[in-house]
Amino acid sequence: MKKDDVVVVITGKEAGKKGKVLVTNPKNRQVIVEKVNMLTKHQKAKGKGEPGGIIHQEGPISADNVMLVCSKCNQATRIAYKILDDKTKVRVCKKCGETFDK
């Protein structure tokens, strides 16, 4: 997964939810997806500018639990790789053949 990809969660309590990838962590094989796995954080006030309170933020989920959504066929799909004539490697939808990287 890459940042700004649209993915769907395929397993777990958040299964079926779609969202945009905000952050990737390849070392730990985790992604943070918009509006998925919302966590509650109790934050202490830090001076005048930042009040304290309860903050809701996205938590990381395993990259194995999400699938990329093709923009053309609008379905969750696996990724194939294709080398173009100009020797660039792009990601391709297995179902319809649409390229993800422009």
N, C-alpha and C. Protein backbone atom coordinates (compact mmCIF):
# COMPACT_ATOMS: atom_id res chain seq x y z
N MET A 1 0.83 -1.18 0.00
CA MET A 1 0.00 0.00 0.00
C MET A 1 0.87 1.24 0.00
N LYS A 2 0.34 2.26 -0.60
CA LYS A 2 1.01 3.55 -0.61
C LYS A 2 0.06 4.60 -0.04
N LYS A 3 0.63 5.73 0.35
CA LYS A 3 -0.17 6.83 0.88
C LYS A 3 -1.16 7.29 -0.18
N ASP A 4 -2.36 7.64 0.23
CA ASP A 4 -3.47 8.12 -0.61
C ASP A 4 -4.13 7.03 -1.44
N ASP A 5 -3.79 5.76 -1.26
CA ASP A 5 -4.52 4.67 -1.91
C ASP A 5 -5.86 4.48 -1.20
N VAL A 6 -6.88 4.09 -1.94
CA VAL A 6 -8.17 3.76 -1.34
C VAL A 6 -8.18 2.26 -1.10
N VAL A 7 -8.47 1.86 0.13
CA VAL A 7 -8.45 0.45 0.50
C VAL A 7 -9.75 0.08 1.20
N VAL A 8 -10.01 -1.22 1.26
CA VAL A 8 -11.14 -1.76 2.01
C VAL A 8 -10.59 -2.76 3.01
N VAL A 9 -11.14 -2.74 4.23
CA VAL A 9 -10.72 -3.68 5.27
C VAL A 9 -11.44 -5.00 5.03
N ILE A 10 -10.69 -6.11 5.01
CA ILE A 10 -11.28 -7.39 4.66
C ILE A 10 -11.52 -8.31 5.86
N THR A 11 -10.86 -8.05 7.00
CA THR A 11 -11.07 -8.88 8.18
C THR A 11 -11.11 -8.02 9.44
N GLY A 12 -11.59 -8.60 10.52
CA GLY A 12 -11.60 -7.93 11.80
C GLY A 12 -12.90 -7.19 12.06
N LYS A 13 -12.90 -6.42 13.14
CA LYS A 13 -14.12 -5.71 13.56
C LYS A 13 -14.51 -4.60 12.60
N GLU A 14 -13.58 -4.12 11.80
CA GLU A 14 -13.83 -3.03 10.85
C GLU A 14 -14.05 -3.53 9.42
N ALA A 15 -14.33 -4.81 9.25
CA ALA A 15 -14.45 -5.41 7.92
C ALA A 15 -15.52 -4.72 7.09
N GLY A 16 -15.18 -4.44 5.83
CA GLY A 16 -16.11 -3.82 4.91
C GLY A 16 -15.99 -2.31 4.80
N LYS A 17 -15.25 -1.68 5.68
CA LYS A 17 -15.11 -0.23 5.65
C LYS A 17 -14.05 0.18 4.63
N LYS A 18 -14.34 1.26 3.89
CA LYS A 18 -13.40 1.81 2.92
C LYS A 18 -12.80 3.09 3.48
N GLY A 19 -11.57 3.37 3.05
CA GLY A 19 -10.94 4.61 3.47
C GLY A 19 -9.64 4.83 2.73
N LYS A 20 -9.10 6.02 2.91
CA LYS A 20 -7.85 6.40 2.27
C LYS A 20 -6.70 6.14 3.23
N VAL A 21 -5.58 5.64 2.71
CA VAL A 21 -4.41 5.37 3.52
C VAL A 21 -3.75 6.70 3.88
N LEU A 22 -3.60 6.95 5.18
CA LEU A 22 -2.98 8.19 5.65
C LEU A 22 -1.48 8.02 5.87
N VAL A 23 -1.09 6.90 6.49
CA VAL A 23 0.32 6.64 6.83
C VAL A 23 0.61 5.17 6.60
N THR A 24 1.79 4.87 6.08
CA THR A 24 2.23 3.48 5.97
C THR A 24 3.47 3.28 6.82
N ASN A 25 3.60 2.09 7.38
CA ASN A 25 4.78 1.71 8.15
C ASN A 25 5.24 0.35 7.65
N PRO A 26 6.06 0.32 6.59
CA PRO A 26 6.45 -0.96 6.00
C PRO A 26 7.27 -1.85 6.93
N LYS A 27 8.01 -1.25 7.85
CA LYS A 27 8.84 -2.04 8.76
C LYS A 27 7.98 -2.94 9.65
N ASN A 28 6.86 -2.41 10.14
CA ASN A 28 5.95 -3.18 10.99
C ASN A 28 4.76 -3.74 10.23
N ARG A 29 4.70 -3.53 8.91
CA ARG A 29 3.62 -3.99 8.05
C ARG A 29 2.27 -3.46 8.54
N GLN A 30 2.21 -2.15 8.83
CA GLN A 30 0.98 -1.54 9.32
C GLN A 30 0.62 -0.32 8.47
N VAL A 31 -0.66 -0.03 8.43
CA VAL A 31 -1.16 1.17 7.76
C VAL A 31 -2.17 1.85 8.68
N ILE A 32 -2.31 3.16 8.49
CA ILE A 32 -3.36 3.90 9.19
C ILE A 32 -4.32 4.37 8.11
N VAL A 33 -5.58 3.95 8.26
CA VAL A 33 -6.62 4.22 7.27
C VAL A 33 -7.60 5.22 7.86
N GLU A 34 -8.04 6.17 7.03
CA GLU A 34 -8.95 7.22 7.45
C GLU A 34 -10.28 6.63 7.94
N LYS A 35 -10.71 7.04 9.14
CA LYS A 35 -11.98 6.65 9.77
C LYS A 35 -12.10 5.15 10.05
N VAL A 36 -10.96 4.45 10.21
CA VAL A 36 -10.96 3.02 10.52
C VAL A 36 -10.13 2.82 11.79
N ASN A 37 -10.58 1.95 12.68
CA ASN A 37 -9.90 1.62 13.93
C ASN A 37 -9.71 2.88 14.79
N MET A 38 -10.81 3.56 15.05
CA MET A 38 -10.76 4.79 15.82
C MET A 38 -10.45 4.48 17.29
N LEU A 39 -9.45 5.19 17.84
CA LEU A 39 -9.02 5.02 19.22
C LEU A 39 -9.39 6.27 20.01
N THR A 40 -9.59 6.10 21.32
CA THR A 40 -9.88 7.22 22.20
C THR A 40 -8.64 7.51 23.02
N LYS A 41 -8.19 8.76 22.96
CA LYS A 41 -6.99 9.17 23.67
C LYS A 41 -7.35 10.30 24.62
N HIS A 42 -6.94 10.17 25.88
CA HIS A 42 -7.16 11.22 26.88
C HIS A 42 -5.91 12.07 26.91
N GLN A 43 -6.05 13.33 26.46
CA GLN A 43 -4.89 14.20 26.34
C GLN A 43 -4.92 15.28 27.40
N LYS A 44 -3.77 15.50 28.02
CA LYS A 44 -3.62 16.52 29.04
C LYS A 44 -3.41 17.88 28.37
N ALA A 45 -3.89 18.95 28.99
CA ALA A 45 -3.73 20.29 28.44
C ALA A 45 -2.25 20.67 28.43
N LYS A 46 -1.84 21.32 27.33
CA LYS A 46 -0.44 21.74 27.19
C LYS A 46 -0.39 23.26 27.01
N GLY A 47 -0.55 23.97 28.10
CA GLY A 47 -0.48 25.43 28.04
C GLY A 47 -1.79 26.06 27.61
N LYS A 48 -1.72 27.33 27.22
CA LYS A 48 -2.93 28.06 26.84
C LYS A 48 -3.51 27.60 25.51
N GLY A 49 -2.63 27.35 24.53
CA GLY A 49 -3.08 27.08 23.17
C GLY A 49 -3.81 25.76 22.98
N GLU A 50 -3.41 24.73 23.69
CA GLU A 50 -4.01 23.41 23.49
C GLU A 50 -4.77 22.96 24.72
N PRO A 51 -6.09 22.90 24.62
CA PRO A 51 -6.87 22.42 25.76
C PRO A 51 -6.80 20.89 25.85
N GLY A 52 -7.04 20.38 27.02
CA GLY A 52 -7.08 18.94 27.20
C GLY A 52 -8.43 18.39 26.82
N GLY A 53 -8.55 17.09 26.85
CA GLY A 53 -9.84 16.48 26.55
C GLY A 53 -9.68 15.10 25.94
N ILE A 54 -10.79 14.59 25.47
CA ILE A 54 -10.80 13.27 24.84
C ILE A 54 -10.70 13.45 23.34
N ILE A 55 -9.71 12.81 22.74
CA ILE A 55 -9.45 12.94 21.30
C ILE A 55 -9.65 11.57 20.65
N HIS A 56 -10.33 11.57 19.52
CA HIS A 56 -10.51 10.35 18.75
C HIS A 56 -9.58 10.41 17.54
N GLN A 57 -8.77 9.35 17.39
CA GLN A 57 -7.83 9.31 16.27
C GLN A 57 -7.74 7.90 15.72
N GLU A 58 -7.24 7.79 14.48
CA GLU A 58 -7.11 6.50 13.84
C GLU A 58 -5.91 5.74 14.41
N GLY A 59 -6.07 4.44 14.55
CA GLY A 59 -4.99 3.59 15.01
C GLY A 59 -4.50 2.72 13.87
N PRO A 60 -3.30 2.15 14.00
CA PRO A 60 -2.76 1.32 12.94
C PRO A 60 -3.44 -0.04 12.87
N ILE A 61 -3.54 -0.58 11.65
CA ILE A 61 -4.01 -1.95 11.45
C ILE A 61 -3.00 -2.65 10.55
N SER A 62 -3.05 -3.95 10.55
CA SER A 62 -2.11 -4.72 9.74
C SER A 62 -2.38 -4.50 8.26
N ALA A 63 -1.32 -4.36 7.49
CA ALA A 63 -1.45 -4.17 6.04
C ALA A 63 -2.01 -5.43 5.38
N ASP A 64 -1.91 -6.57 6.06
CA ASP A 64 -2.45 -7.82 5.52
C ASP A 64 -3.97 -7.84 5.56
N ASN A 65 -4.57 -6.98 6.35
CA ASN A 65 -6.02 -6.97 6.53
C ASN A 65 -6.73 -5.98 5.61
N VAL A 66 -6.02 -5.36 4.67
CA VAL A 66 -6.64 -4.43 3.75
C VAL A 66 -6.32 -4.83 2.31
N MET A 67 -7.23 -4.48 1.40
CA MET A 67 -7.02 -4.72 -0.03
C MET A 67 -7.25 -3.42 -0.78
N LEU A 68 -6.49 -3.22 -1.82
CA LEU A 68 -6.60 -2.03 -2.65
C LEU A 68 -7.90 -2.07 -3.44
N VAL A 69 -8.56 -0.91 -3.59
CA VAL A 69 -9.79 -0.81 -4.35
C VAL A 69 -9.46 -0.16 -5.69
N CYS A 70 -9.85 -0.82 -6.77
CA CYS A 70 -9.62 -0.31 -8.12
C CYS A 70 -10.59 0.83 -8.40
N SER A 71 -10.10 1.92 -8.97
CA SER A 71 -10.96 3.06 -9.26
C SER A 71 -11.85 2.82 -10.47
N LYS A 72 -11.45 1.93 -11.35
CA LYS A 72 -12.23 1.67 -12.56
C LYS A 72 -13.37 0.68 -12.29
N CYS A 73 -13.03 -0.49 -11.73
CA CYS A 73 -14.06 -1.52 -11.50
C CYS A 73 -14.69 -1.42 -10.11
N ASN A 74 -14.14 -0.56 -9.23
CA ASN A 74 -14.67 -0.30 -7.89
C ASN A 74 -14.80 -1.56 -7.04
N GLN A 75 -13.83 -2.46 -7.16
CA GLN A 75 -13.81 -3.69 -6.38
C GLN A 75 -12.45 -3.86 -5.71
N ALA A 76 -12.44 -4.58 -4.59
CA ALA A 76 -11.19 -4.90 -3.94
C ALA A 76 -10.44 -5.89 -4.82
N THR A 77 -9.15 -5.64 -5.01
CA THR A 77 -8.39 -6.46 -5.94
C THR A 77 -6.98 -6.70 -5.43
N ARG A 78 -6.39 -7.76 -5.93
CA ARG A 78 -4.98 -7.99 -5.69
C ARG A 78 -4.18 -7.17 -6.70
N ILE A 79 -2.90 -7.03 -6.46
CA ILE A 79 -2.07 -6.19 -7.30
C ILE A 79 -1.12 -7.05 -8.12
N ALA A 80 -1.02 -6.74 -9.40
CA ALA A 80 0.00 -7.33 -10.26
C ALA A 80 0.97 -6.21 -10.62
N TYR A 81 2.15 -6.56 -11.02
CA TYR A 81 3.14 -5.58 -11.44
C TYR A 81 3.44 -5.77 -12.91
N LYS A 82 3.60 -4.65 -13.61
CA LYS A 82 3.85 -4.69 -15.04
C LYS A 82 4.98 -3.70 -15.35
N ILE A 83 5.88 -4.10 -16.22
CA ILE A 83 6.97 -3.21 -16.63
C ILE A 83 6.60 -2.63 -17.99
N LEU A 84 6.55 -1.30 -18.04
CA LEU A 84 6.17 -0.61 -19.27
C LEU A 84 7.35 -0.53 -20.23
N ASP A 85 7.09 0.01 -21.43
CA ASP A 85 8.12 0.13 -22.46
C ASP A 85 9.28 1.02 -22.02
N ASP A 86 8.99 2.02 -21.19
CA ASP A 86 10.05 2.92 -20.74
C ASP A 86 10.73 2.42 -19.46
N LYS A 87 10.60 1.12 -19.18
CA LYS A 87 11.27 0.42 -18.07
C LYS A 87 10.80 0.88 -16.68
N THR A 88 9.59 1.42 -16.58
CA THR A 88 9.04 1.76 -15.28
C THR A 88 8.10 0.66 -14.82
N LYS A 89 8.14 0.37 -13.53
CA LYS A 89 7.32 -0.68 -12.95
C LYS A 89 6.07 -0.04 -12.34
N VAL A 90 4.89 -0.52 -12.75
CA VAL A 90 3.62 0.03 -12.26
C VAL A 90 2.77 -1.07 -11.66
N ARG A 91 1.85 -0.67 -10.76
CA ARG A 91 0.91 -1.61 -10.17
C ARG A 91 -0.33 -1.67 -11.06
N VAL A 92 -0.86 -2.89 -11.24
CA VAL A 92 -1.98 -3.11 -12.16
C VAL A 92 -3.06 -3.91 -11.44
N CYS A 93 -4.33 -3.59 -11.72
CA CYS A 93 -5.47 -4.33 -11.17
C CYS A 93 -5.52 -5.72 -11.82
N LYS A 94 -5.66 -6.76 -11.02
CA LYS A 94 -5.74 -8.13 -11.55
C LYS A 94 -7.04 -8.39 -12.28
N LYS A 95 -8.11 -7.64 -11.93
CA LYS A 95 -9.43 -7.92 -12.51
C LYS A 95 -9.67 -7.22 -13.84
N CYS A 96 -9.29 -5.92 -13.92
CA CYS A 96 -9.61 -5.17 -15.15
C CYS A 96 -8.39 -4.66 -15.90
N GLY A 97 -7.20 -4.71 -15.30
CA GLY A 97 -6.00 -4.29 -15.98
C GLY A 97 -5.68 -2.81 -15.86
N GLU A 98 -6.44 -2.06 -15.06
CA GLU A 98 -6.21 -0.61 -14.87
C GLU A 98 -4.93 -0.41 -14.07
N THR A 99 -4.13 0.59 -14.43
CA THR A 99 -2.90 0.89 -13.69
C THR A 99 -3.22 1.84 -12.54
N PHE A 100 -2.55 1.62 -11.39
CA PHE A 100 -2.74 2.46 -10.21
C PHE A 100 -1.76 3.61 -10.19
N ASP A 101 -0.54 3.40 -10.68
CA ASP A 101 0.49 4.43 -10.66
C ASP A 101 0.48 5.16 -12.00
N LYS A 102 0.36 6.46 -11.93
CA LYS A 102 0.34 7.26 -13.17
C LYS A 102 1.68 7.87 -13.41
